[in-house]
N, C-alpha and C. Protein backbone atom coordinates (compact mmCIF):
# COMPACT_ATOMS: atom_id res chain seq x y z
N MET A 1 -18.44 53.05 -12.05
CA MET A 1 -18.12 52.21 -13.19
C MET A 1 -16.61 52.23 -13.40
N LYS A 2 -16.03 51.03 -13.53
CA LYS A 2 -14.60 50.92 -13.78
C LYS A 2 -14.34 50.87 -15.27
N LYS A 3 -13.29 51.56 -15.69
CA LYS A 3 -12.91 51.52 -17.09
C LYS A 3 -11.83 50.46 -17.26
N VAL A 4 -11.93 49.71 -18.34
CA VAL A 4 -10.96 48.67 -18.66
C VAL A 4 -10.42 48.99 -20.04
N VAL A 5 -9.12 48.84 -20.21
CA VAL A 5 -8.51 49.09 -21.51
C VAL A 5 -8.17 47.77 -22.19
N THR A 6 -8.09 47.79 -23.50
CA THR A 6 -7.66 46.62 -24.24
C THR A 6 -6.15 46.48 -24.12
N CYS A 7 -5.64 45.36 -24.58
CA CYS A 7 -4.19 45.15 -24.55
C CYS A 7 -3.47 46.18 -25.40
N SER A 8 -3.99 46.46 -26.57
CA SER A 8 -3.33 47.44 -27.44
C SER A 8 -3.38 48.83 -26.82
N GLN A 9 -4.47 49.19 -26.15
CA GLN A 9 -4.54 50.48 -25.47
C GLN A 9 -3.53 50.55 -24.33
N MET A 10 -3.38 49.45 -23.58
CA MET A 10 -2.42 49.42 -22.48
C MET A 10 -1.00 49.56 -23.00
N LYS A 11 -0.70 48.90 -24.10
CA LYS A 11 0.64 49.03 -24.71
C LYS A 11 0.91 50.47 -25.10
N LEU A 12 -0.10 51.14 -25.66
CA LEU A 12 0.05 52.55 -26.03
C LEU A 12 0.27 53.43 -24.80
N LEU A 13 -0.47 53.13 -23.73
CA LEU A 13 -0.30 53.91 -22.50
C LEU A 13 1.10 53.72 -21.93
N ASP A 14 1.57 52.47 -21.89
CA ASP A 14 2.94 52.21 -21.42
C ASP A 14 3.96 52.93 -22.30
N HIS A 15 3.78 52.81 -23.60
CA HIS A 15 4.72 53.44 -24.55
C HIS A 15 4.75 54.95 -24.33
N GLY A 16 3.57 55.56 -24.18
CA GLY A 16 3.49 57.00 -23.96
C GLY A 16 4.16 57.42 -22.66
N THR A 17 3.96 56.64 -21.62
CA THR A 17 4.58 56.96 -20.33
C THR A 17 6.10 56.88 -20.43
N ILE A 18 6.59 55.86 -21.12
CA ILE A 18 8.03 55.66 -21.25
C ILE A 18 8.65 56.71 -22.17
N HIS A 19 8.05 56.93 -23.33
CA HIS A 19 8.68 57.79 -24.34
C HIS A 19 8.27 59.25 -24.26
N ASN A 20 7.04 59.55 -23.90
CA ASN A 20 6.59 60.94 -23.84
C ASN A 20 6.80 61.56 -22.47
N MET A 21 6.62 60.75 -21.43
CA MET A 21 6.75 61.28 -20.07
C MET A 21 8.14 60.99 -19.49
N HIS A 22 8.93 60.22 -20.21
CA HIS A 22 10.33 59.92 -19.84
C HIS A 22 10.46 59.14 -18.53
N VAL A 23 9.46 58.29 -18.28
CA VAL A 23 9.53 57.41 -17.12
C VAL A 23 10.15 56.10 -17.60
N PRO A 24 11.33 55.74 -17.10
CA PRO A 24 11.97 54.51 -17.58
C PRO A 24 11.12 53.27 -17.31
N SER A 25 11.23 52.31 -18.21
CA SER A 25 10.50 51.04 -18.08
C SER A 25 10.78 50.38 -16.74
N LEU A 26 12.01 50.45 -16.26
CA LEU A 26 12.34 49.85 -14.95
C LEU A 26 11.58 50.51 -13.81
N VAL A 27 11.32 51.80 -13.93
CA VAL A 27 10.54 52.50 -12.90
C VAL A 27 9.10 52.00 -12.91
N LEU A 28 8.52 51.85 -14.11
CA LEU A 28 7.17 51.30 -14.19
C LEU A 28 7.11 49.90 -13.61
N MET A 29 8.13 49.10 -13.92
CA MET A 29 8.20 47.73 -13.42
C MET A 29 8.27 47.72 -11.89
N GLU A 30 9.08 48.59 -11.34
CA GLU A 30 9.24 48.65 -9.88
C GLU A 30 7.95 49.10 -9.21
N ARG A 31 7.28 50.08 -9.81
CA ARG A 31 6.02 50.57 -9.23
C ARG A 31 4.94 49.48 -9.27
N ALA A 32 4.88 48.74 -10.37
CA ALA A 32 3.92 47.64 -10.47
C ALA A 32 4.23 46.58 -9.41
N ALA A 33 5.51 46.29 -9.24
CA ALA A 33 5.91 45.28 -8.25
C ALA A 33 5.59 45.74 -6.83
N LEU A 34 5.85 47.01 -6.54
CA LEU A 34 5.55 47.54 -5.21
C LEU A 34 4.06 47.43 -4.90
N ALA A 35 3.22 47.82 -5.85
CA ALA A 35 1.77 47.78 -5.64
C ALA A 35 1.29 46.33 -5.48
N THR A 36 1.82 45.43 -6.29
CA THR A 36 1.40 44.04 -6.22
C THR A 36 1.86 43.37 -4.93
N ALA A 37 3.11 43.61 -4.55
CA ALA A 37 3.63 43.05 -3.29
C ALA A 37 2.80 43.56 -2.11
N GLU A 38 2.40 44.80 -2.15
CA GLU A 38 1.58 45.37 -1.07
C GLU A 38 0.21 44.69 -1.02
N GLU A 39 -0.39 44.42 -2.16
CA GLU A 39 -1.68 43.73 -2.19
C GLU A 39 -1.55 42.30 -1.66
N ILE A 40 -0.45 41.63 -1.99
CA ILE A 40 -0.22 40.28 -1.47
C ILE A 40 -0.06 40.33 0.05
N ARG A 41 0.69 41.30 0.53
CA ARG A 41 0.87 41.44 1.98
C ARG A 41 -0.48 41.67 2.66
N LYS A 42 -1.30 42.55 2.10
CA LYS A 42 -2.63 42.83 2.66
C LYS A 42 -3.50 41.56 2.67
N TYR A 43 -3.45 40.81 1.57
CA TYR A 43 -4.22 39.56 1.49
C TYR A 43 -3.78 38.60 2.59
N LEU A 44 -2.46 38.45 2.76
CA LEU A 44 -1.93 37.52 3.77
C LEU A 44 -2.29 37.98 5.18
N GLU A 45 -2.23 39.27 5.43
CA GLU A 45 -2.59 39.78 6.76
C GLU A 45 -4.08 39.60 7.03
N LYS A 46 -4.90 39.78 6.02
CA LYS A 46 -6.34 39.57 6.20
C LYS A 46 -6.62 38.09 6.46
N LYS A 47 -5.91 37.22 5.75
CA LYS A 47 -6.09 35.78 5.90
C LYS A 47 -5.61 35.29 7.27
N ASN A 48 -4.50 35.83 7.76
CA ASN A 48 -3.86 35.36 8.99
C ASN A 48 -4.00 36.31 10.17
N GLY A 49 -4.62 37.43 9.98
CA GLY A 49 -4.52 38.48 10.98
C GLY A 49 -3.18 39.16 10.75
N SER A 50 -2.89 40.18 11.49
CA SER A 50 -1.63 40.90 11.25
C SER A 50 -0.45 40.22 11.92
N GLY A 51 -0.67 38.99 12.36
CA GLY A 51 0.38 38.25 13.07
C GLY A 51 1.42 37.65 12.14
N ASN A 52 1.77 36.46 12.44
CA ASN A 52 2.89 35.78 11.82
C ASN A 52 2.59 35.35 10.39
N LEU A 53 3.41 35.82 9.45
CA LEU A 53 3.27 35.43 8.05
C LEU A 53 4.33 34.41 7.66
N LYS A 54 5.08 33.92 8.64
CA LYS A 54 6.20 33.02 8.35
C LYS A 54 5.75 31.67 7.78
N LYS A 55 4.51 31.26 8.05
CA LYS A 55 4.04 29.98 7.52
C LYS A 55 3.66 30.08 6.04
N GLU A 56 3.53 31.29 5.54
CA GLU A 56 3.17 31.49 4.14
C GLU A 56 4.38 31.19 3.25
N ARG A 57 4.09 30.69 2.07
CA ARG A 57 5.14 30.40 1.11
C ARG A 57 4.63 30.81 -0.27
N ILE A 58 5.38 31.68 -0.92
CA ILE A 58 4.95 32.26 -2.18
C ILE A 58 5.89 31.85 -3.29
N LEU A 59 5.31 31.41 -4.40
CA LEU A 59 6.07 31.08 -5.60
C LEU A 59 5.70 32.07 -6.68
N THR A 60 6.71 32.71 -7.24
CA THR A 60 6.49 33.61 -8.36
C THR A 60 6.98 32.92 -9.62
N VAL A 61 6.07 32.64 -10.52
CA VAL A 61 6.36 31.92 -11.76
C VAL A 61 6.58 32.95 -12.85
N CYS A 62 7.82 33.00 -13.37
CA CYS A 62 8.21 34.09 -14.24
C CYS A 62 8.60 33.63 -15.64
N GLY A 63 8.20 34.41 -16.62
CA GLY A 63 8.67 34.25 -17.98
C GLY A 63 9.91 35.10 -18.17
N SER A 64 10.42 35.15 -19.38
CA SER A 64 11.64 35.92 -19.64
C SER A 64 11.35 37.31 -20.19
N GLY A 65 10.06 37.63 -20.39
CA GLY A 65 9.69 38.98 -20.84
C GLY A 65 9.51 39.92 -19.66
N ASN A 66 9.00 41.09 -19.95
CA ASN A 66 8.86 42.10 -18.89
C ASN A 66 7.86 41.70 -17.82
N ASN A 67 6.87 40.87 -18.14
CA ASN A 67 5.96 40.39 -17.10
C ASN A 67 6.74 39.56 -16.09
N GLY A 68 7.68 38.77 -16.58
CA GLY A 68 8.56 38.02 -15.69
C GLY A 68 9.41 38.94 -14.83
N GLY A 69 9.84 40.05 -15.41
CA GLY A 69 10.61 41.04 -14.64
C GLY A 69 9.78 41.62 -13.50
N ASP A 70 8.49 41.88 -13.77
CA ASP A 70 7.58 42.32 -12.70
C ASP A 70 7.56 41.27 -11.60
N GLY A 71 7.42 40.00 -12.00
CA GLY A 71 7.35 38.91 -11.03
C GLY A 71 8.61 38.77 -10.20
N ILE A 72 9.75 38.88 -10.84
CA ILE A 72 11.03 38.79 -10.12
C ILE A 72 11.13 39.91 -9.10
N ALA A 73 10.72 41.12 -9.48
CA ALA A 73 10.74 42.25 -8.55
C ALA A 73 9.77 42.01 -7.39
N ILE A 74 8.61 41.45 -7.67
CA ILE A 74 7.63 41.14 -6.62
C ILE A 74 8.23 40.15 -5.63
N ALA A 75 8.85 39.09 -6.14
CA ALA A 75 9.48 38.09 -5.26
C ALA A 75 10.55 38.73 -4.39
N ARG A 76 11.34 39.61 -4.96
CA ARG A 76 12.39 40.29 -4.19
C ARG A 76 11.78 41.14 -3.08
N LEU A 77 10.77 41.91 -3.40
CA LEU A 77 10.16 42.79 -2.40
C LEU A 77 9.53 41.99 -1.26
N LEU A 78 8.88 40.88 -1.59
CA LEU A 78 8.29 40.03 -0.55
C LEU A 78 9.40 39.41 0.30
N HIS A 79 10.45 38.95 -0.34
CA HIS A 79 11.61 38.37 0.36
C HIS A 79 12.20 39.39 1.33
N LEU A 80 12.37 40.61 0.86
CA LEU A 80 12.95 41.65 1.72
C LEU A 80 12.01 42.04 2.86
N ALA A 81 10.70 41.80 2.68
CA ALA A 81 9.73 42.07 3.74
C ALA A 81 9.64 40.92 4.74
N GLY A 82 10.46 39.89 4.54
CA GLY A 82 10.48 38.77 5.46
C GLY A 82 9.44 37.70 5.16
N ILE A 83 8.83 37.76 3.99
CA ILE A 83 7.84 36.77 3.60
C ILE A 83 8.55 35.75 2.71
N ARG A 84 8.37 34.49 3.03
CA ARG A 84 9.07 33.42 2.30
C ARG A 84 8.61 33.40 0.84
N SER A 85 9.50 33.82 -0.04
CA SER A 85 9.16 33.99 -1.43
C SER A 85 10.24 33.38 -2.31
N GLU A 86 9.83 32.67 -3.34
CA GLU A 86 10.76 31.98 -4.22
C GLU A 86 10.40 32.26 -5.67
N ILE A 87 11.39 32.17 -6.54
CA ILE A 87 11.21 32.41 -7.97
C ILE A 87 11.32 31.08 -8.71
N TYR A 88 10.41 30.86 -9.65
CA TYR A 88 10.54 29.76 -10.60
C TYR A 88 10.59 30.41 -11.98
N LEU A 89 11.75 30.33 -12.62
CA LEU A 89 11.91 30.90 -13.95
C LEU A 89 11.53 29.86 -14.99
N ALA A 90 10.33 30.01 -15.54
CA ALA A 90 9.86 29.09 -16.58
C ALA A 90 10.37 29.54 -17.95
N GLY A 91 10.73 30.81 -18.05
CA GLY A 91 11.22 31.34 -19.31
C GLY A 91 12.69 31.01 -19.53
N ASN A 92 13.12 31.22 -20.74
CA ASN A 92 14.51 30.97 -21.13
C ASN A 92 15.39 32.12 -20.64
N PRO A 93 16.36 31.86 -19.76
CA PRO A 93 17.19 32.95 -19.23
C PRO A 93 17.99 33.65 -20.33
N ASP A 94 18.27 32.96 -21.43
CA ASP A 94 19.01 33.58 -22.53
C ASP A 94 18.16 34.56 -23.33
N LYS A 95 16.85 34.54 -23.10
CA LYS A 95 15.94 35.42 -23.85
C LYS A 95 15.31 36.51 -22.99
N MET A 96 15.88 36.70 -21.80
CA MET A 96 15.33 37.74 -20.92
C MET A 96 15.46 39.12 -21.58
N THR A 97 14.44 39.95 -21.38
CA THR A 97 14.55 41.34 -21.81
C THR A 97 15.60 42.02 -20.93
N GLU A 98 16.06 43.16 -21.37
CA GLU A 98 17.06 43.91 -20.60
C GLU A 98 16.55 44.22 -19.20
N GLU A 99 15.29 44.64 -19.11
CA GLU A 99 14.71 44.99 -17.81
C GLU A 99 14.58 43.76 -16.90
N THR A 100 14.17 42.65 -17.49
CA THR A 100 14.02 41.42 -16.71
C THR A 100 15.38 40.93 -16.23
N ARG A 101 16.38 41.00 -17.07
CA ARG A 101 17.75 40.63 -16.66
C ARG A 101 18.21 41.52 -15.50
N HIS A 102 17.88 42.80 -15.56
CA HIS A 102 18.25 43.73 -14.49
C HIS A 102 17.56 43.32 -13.18
N GLN A 103 16.28 43.00 -13.26
CA GLN A 103 15.55 42.57 -12.05
C GLN A 103 16.12 41.26 -11.52
N TRP A 104 16.48 40.35 -12.42
CA TRP A 104 17.08 39.07 -12.02
C TRP A 104 18.38 39.32 -11.25
N ASP A 105 19.23 40.18 -11.78
CA ASP A 105 20.50 40.48 -11.14
C ASP A 105 20.30 41.07 -9.74
N ILE A 106 19.30 41.96 -9.61
CA ILE A 106 19.00 42.54 -8.30
C ILE A 106 18.54 41.44 -7.34
N ALA A 107 17.61 40.59 -7.80
CA ALA A 107 17.08 39.51 -6.95
C ALA A 107 18.20 38.57 -6.51
N MET A 108 19.12 38.26 -7.42
CA MET A 108 20.22 37.37 -7.07
C MET A 108 21.17 38.05 -6.06
N SER A 109 21.33 39.36 -6.17
CA SER A 109 22.15 40.09 -5.19
C SER A 109 21.55 40.00 -3.79
N TYR A 110 20.22 39.96 -3.72
CA TYR A 110 19.52 39.85 -2.44
C TYR A 110 19.26 38.40 -2.04
N GLN A 111 19.78 37.48 -2.82
CA GLN A 111 19.69 36.04 -2.54
C GLN A 111 18.24 35.55 -2.41
N VAL A 112 17.39 36.03 -3.33
CA VAL A 112 16.03 35.51 -3.38
C VAL A 112 16.12 34.06 -3.88
N PRO A 113 15.54 33.12 -3.16
CA PRO A 113 15.64 31.71 -3.56
C PRO A 113 15.02 31.44 -4.93
N VAL A 114 15.67 30.57 -5.68
CA VAL A 114 15.18 30.14 -6.99
C VAL A 114 14.88 28.66 -6.92
N MET A 115 13.71 28.27 -7.38
CA MET A 115 13.30 26.87 -7.39
C MET A 115 13.37 26.36 -8.83
N ASN A 116 13.99 25.22 -9.02
CA ASN A 116 14.05 24.63 -10.36
C ASN A 116 12.95 23.61 -10.58
N ASN A 117 12.54 22.94 -9.53
CA ASN A 117 11.47 21.93 -9.60
C ASN A 117 10.52 22.13 -8.42
N PRO A 118 9.70 23.17 -8.48
CA PRO A 118 8.84 23.43 -7.32
C PRO A 118 7.82 22.33 -7.10
N VAL A 119 7.49 22.13 -5.83
CA VAL A 119 6.38 21.25 -5.47
C VAL A 119 5.18 22.19 -5.33
N TRP A 120 4.38 22.23 -6.35
CA TRP A 120 3.37 23.26 -6.53
C TRP A 120 2.36 23.35 -5.39
N ASP A 121 2.02 22.24 -4.77
CA ASP A 121 0.98 22.31 -3.73
C ASP A 121 1.52 22.70 -2.36
N GLU A 122 2.81 23.05 -2.29
CA GLU A 122 3.39 23.53 -1.02
C GLU A 122 3.24 25.03 -0.83
N TYR A 123 2.72 25.72 -1.84
CA TYR A 123 2.66 27.18 -1.79
C TYR A 123 1.26 27.65 -1.41
N THR A 124 1.21 28.73 -0.63
CA THR A 124 -0.07 29.31 -0.27
C THR A 124 -0.50 30.38 -1.26
N VAL A 125 0.48 30.98 -1.95
CA VAL A 125 0.21 31.98 -2.99
C VAL A 125 1.13 31.69 -4.17
N ILE A 126 0.57 31.76 -5.36
CA ILE A 126 1.37 31.68 -6.58
C ILE A 126 1.12 32.94 -7.37
N VAL A 127 2.21 33.60 -7.76
CA VAL A 127 2.13 34.78 -8.60
C VAL A 127 2.41 34.35 -10.03
N ASP A 128 1.44 34.54 -10.90
CA ASP A 128 1.56 34.20 -12.31
C ASP A 128 2.15 35.42 -13.03
N ALA A 129 3.43 35.35 -13.35
CA ALA A 129 4.12 36.41 -14.08
C ALA A 129 4.78 35.84 -15.33
N LEU A 130 4.08 34.90 -15.96
CA LEU A 130 4.61 34.27 -17.17
C LEU A 130 4.48 35.18 -18.38
N PHE A 131 3.25 35.55 -18.67
CA PHE A 131 2.97 36.39 -19.84
C PHE A 131 2.08 37.53 -19.40
N GLY A 132 2.26 38.65 -20.02
CA GLY A 132 1.38 39.78 -19.75
C GLY A 132 0.47 40.03 -20.93
N ILE A 133 0.25 41.28 -21.21
CA ILE A 133 -0.66 41.67 -22.28
C ILE A 133 -0.04 41.50 -23.66
N GLY A 134 1.24 41.21 -23.73
CA GLY A 134 1.91 41.12 -25.02
C GLY A 134 1.84 39.76 -25.69
N LEU A 135 1.25 38.77 -25.04
CA LEU A 135 1.22 37.43 -25.61
C LEU A 135 0.37 37.41 -26.88
N SER A 136 0.95 36.92 -27.97
CA SER A 136 0.22 36.86 -29.23
C SER A 136 0.60 35.61 -30.02
N ARG A 137 0.86 34.53 -29.30
CA ARG A 137 1.28 33.30 -29.97
C ARG A 137 0.78 32.11 -29.17
N ASP A 138 0.84 30.95 -29.80
CA ASP A 138 0.47 29.74 -29.08
C ASP A 138 1.48 29.49 -27.96
N ILE A 139 1.01 28.85 -26.93
CA ILE A 139 1.85 28.60 -25.76
C ILE A 139 2.58 27.28 -25.93
N GLU A 140 3.89 27.32 -25.77
CA GLU A 140 4.72 26.12 -25.90
C GLU A 140 4.46 25.17 -24.73
N ALA A 141 4.88 23.91 -24.92
CA ALA A 141 4.59 22.85 -23.95
C ALA A 141 5.06 23.16 -22.54
N SER A 142 6.28 23.68 -22.38
CA SER A 142 6.80 23.94 -21.03
C SER A 142 5.98 25.01 -20.32
N TYR A 143 5.55 26.03 -21.07
CA TYR A 143 4.71 27.07 -20.48
C TYR A 143 3.31 26.53 -20.21
N ARG A 144 2.80 25.73 -21.13
CA ARG A 144 1.47 25.13 -20.94
C ARG A 144 1.46 24.29 -19.66
N ASP A 145 2.56 23.55 -19.43
CA ASP A 145 2.68 22.74 -18.22
C ASP A 145 2.65 23.63 -16.98
N ALA A 146 3.40 24.73 -17.00
CA ALA A 146 3.43 25.64 -15.85
C ALA A 146 2.05 26.25 -15.60
N ILE A 147 1.37 26.65 -16.66
CA ILE A 147 0.02 27.22 -16.51
C ILE A 147 -0.93 26.18 -15.94
N GLY A 148 -0.83 24.94 -16.42
CA GLY A 148 -1.67 23.87 -15.88
C GLY A 148 -1.41 23.63 -14.41
N ARG A 149 -0.14 23.65 -14.01
CA ARG A 149 0.20 23.43 -12.60
C ARG A 149 -0.29 24.59 -11.73
N ILE A 150 -0.19 25.81 -12.26
CA ILE A 150 -0.73 26.96 -11.53
C ILE A 150 -2.23 26.77 -11.32
N ASN A 151 -2.94 26.44 -12.39
CA ASN A 151 -4.40 26.30 -12.32
C ASN A 151 -4.84 25.15 -11.44
N GLU A 152 -4.04 24.10 -11.33
CA GLU A 152 -4.39 22.93 -10.51
C GLU A 152 -4.01 23.12 -9.04
N SER A 153 -3.18 24.08 -8.76
CA SER A 153 -2.68 24.28 -7.41
C SER A 153 -3.81 24.75 -6.48
N PRO A 154 -3.75 24.35 -5.21
CA PRO A 154 -4.73 24.85 -4.24
C PRO A 154 -4.41 26.27 -3.76
N ALA A 155 -3.29 26.82 -4.20
CA ALA A 155 -2.85 28.13 -3.75
C ALA A 155 -3.76 29.24 -4.29
N PHE A 156 -3.75 30.35 -3.57
CA PHE A 156 -4.36 31.58 -4.08
C PHE A 156 -3.46 32.05 -5.22
N VAL A 157 -4.03 32.35 -6.39
CA VAL A 157 -3.24 32.75 -7.55
C VAL A 157 -3.52 34.22 -7.86
N LEU A 158 -2.45 34.97 -8.00
CA LEU A 158 -2.53 36.36 -8.40
C LEU A 158 -1.76 36.49 -9.71
N SER A 159 -2.42 36.99 -10.74
CA SER A 159 -1.78 37.16 -12.04
C SER A 159 -1.36 38.60 -12.24
N VAL A 160 -0.15 38.78 -12.76
CA VAL A 160 0.35 40.11 -13.08
C VAL A 160 -0.21 40.47 -14.46
N ASP A 161 -0.89 41.57 -14.57
CA ASP A 161 -1.56 42.06 -15.78
C ASP A 161 -2.81 41.25 -16.09
N ILE A 162 -2.63 39.96 -16.44
CA ILE A 162 -3.73 39.12 -16.89
C ILE A 162 -3.31 37.66 -16.69
N PRO A 163 -4.24 36.75 -16.43
CA PRO A 163 -3.84 35.35 -16.31
C PRO A 163 -3.15 34.86 -17.59
N SER A 164 -2.04 34.17 -17.43
CA SER A 164 -1.29 33.67 -18.58
C SER A 164 -2.14 32.68 -19.38
N GLY A 165 -2.07 32.83 -20.69
CA GLY A 165 -2.81 31.95 -21.58
C GLY A 165 -4.15 32.49 -22.00
N ILE A 166 -4.50 33.70 -21.56
CA ILE A 166 -5.77 34.32 -21.91
C ILE A 166 -5.48 35.51 -22.83
N ASP A 167 -6.22 35.60 -23.92
CA ASP A 167 -6.12 36.75 -24.81
C ASP A 167 -6.83 37.91 -24.13
N GLY A 168 -6.10 38.97 -23.84
CA GLY A 168 -6.66 40.11 -23.12
C GLY A 168 -7.71 40.89 -23.86
N ASN A 169 -7.79 40.73 -25.16
CA ASN A 169 -8.80 41.44 -25.94
C ASN A 169 -10.09 40.64 -26.11
N THR A 170 -9.97 39.31 -26.18
CA THR A 170 -11.14 38.48 -26.47
C THR A 170 -11.56 37.59 -25.32
N GLY A 171 -10.64 37.32 -24.39
CA GLY A 171 -10.92 36.40 -23.30
C GLY A 171 -10.73 34.95 -23.71
N GLU A 172 -10.36 34.73 -24.95
CA GLU A 172 -10.13 33.36 -25.44
C GLU A 172 -8.84 32.80 -24.86
N LYS A 173 -8.81 31.46 -24.71
CA LYS A 173 -7.59 30.80 -24.28
C LYS A 173 -6.70 30.57 -25.49
N TYR A 174 -5.38 30.71 -25.29
CA TYR A 174 -4.43 30.42 -26.36
C TYR A 174 -4.22 28.93 -26.45
């Protein structure tokens, strides 16, 4: 039997790890990105065999909160592994959290490609890193558009934490 925690329980666990165990938020972000990038690599190798992954194209759709920071780190790790990976920042760059800004700066240092107007059906994998468990408001039009395009895409979609637009406690759509 698998145990599942609510959003508020997950926030408490993260808070405890950061403040009681003294693990910096950036370390948690990096570990989440490493695990997710590895799962994407495994999925691609299973889909294609362990051969050439060069035909794959991955779009990481990021918000400006910490979930977006996870996504930016995932895109960087895939890029550094030689997998064609691009970032689409749907969030406001002026509202990035400190951790997300840090991940953005690292990704830009490694020249991870940024797409401003992605052609959504060109991607084989889309990483949904718009919102995580912290979403507690209605979704604005630009984000709603991105979520709709993700959902309409023929790509395999992997969501960081939880699919964007879903209330993690109730399963209701925002």
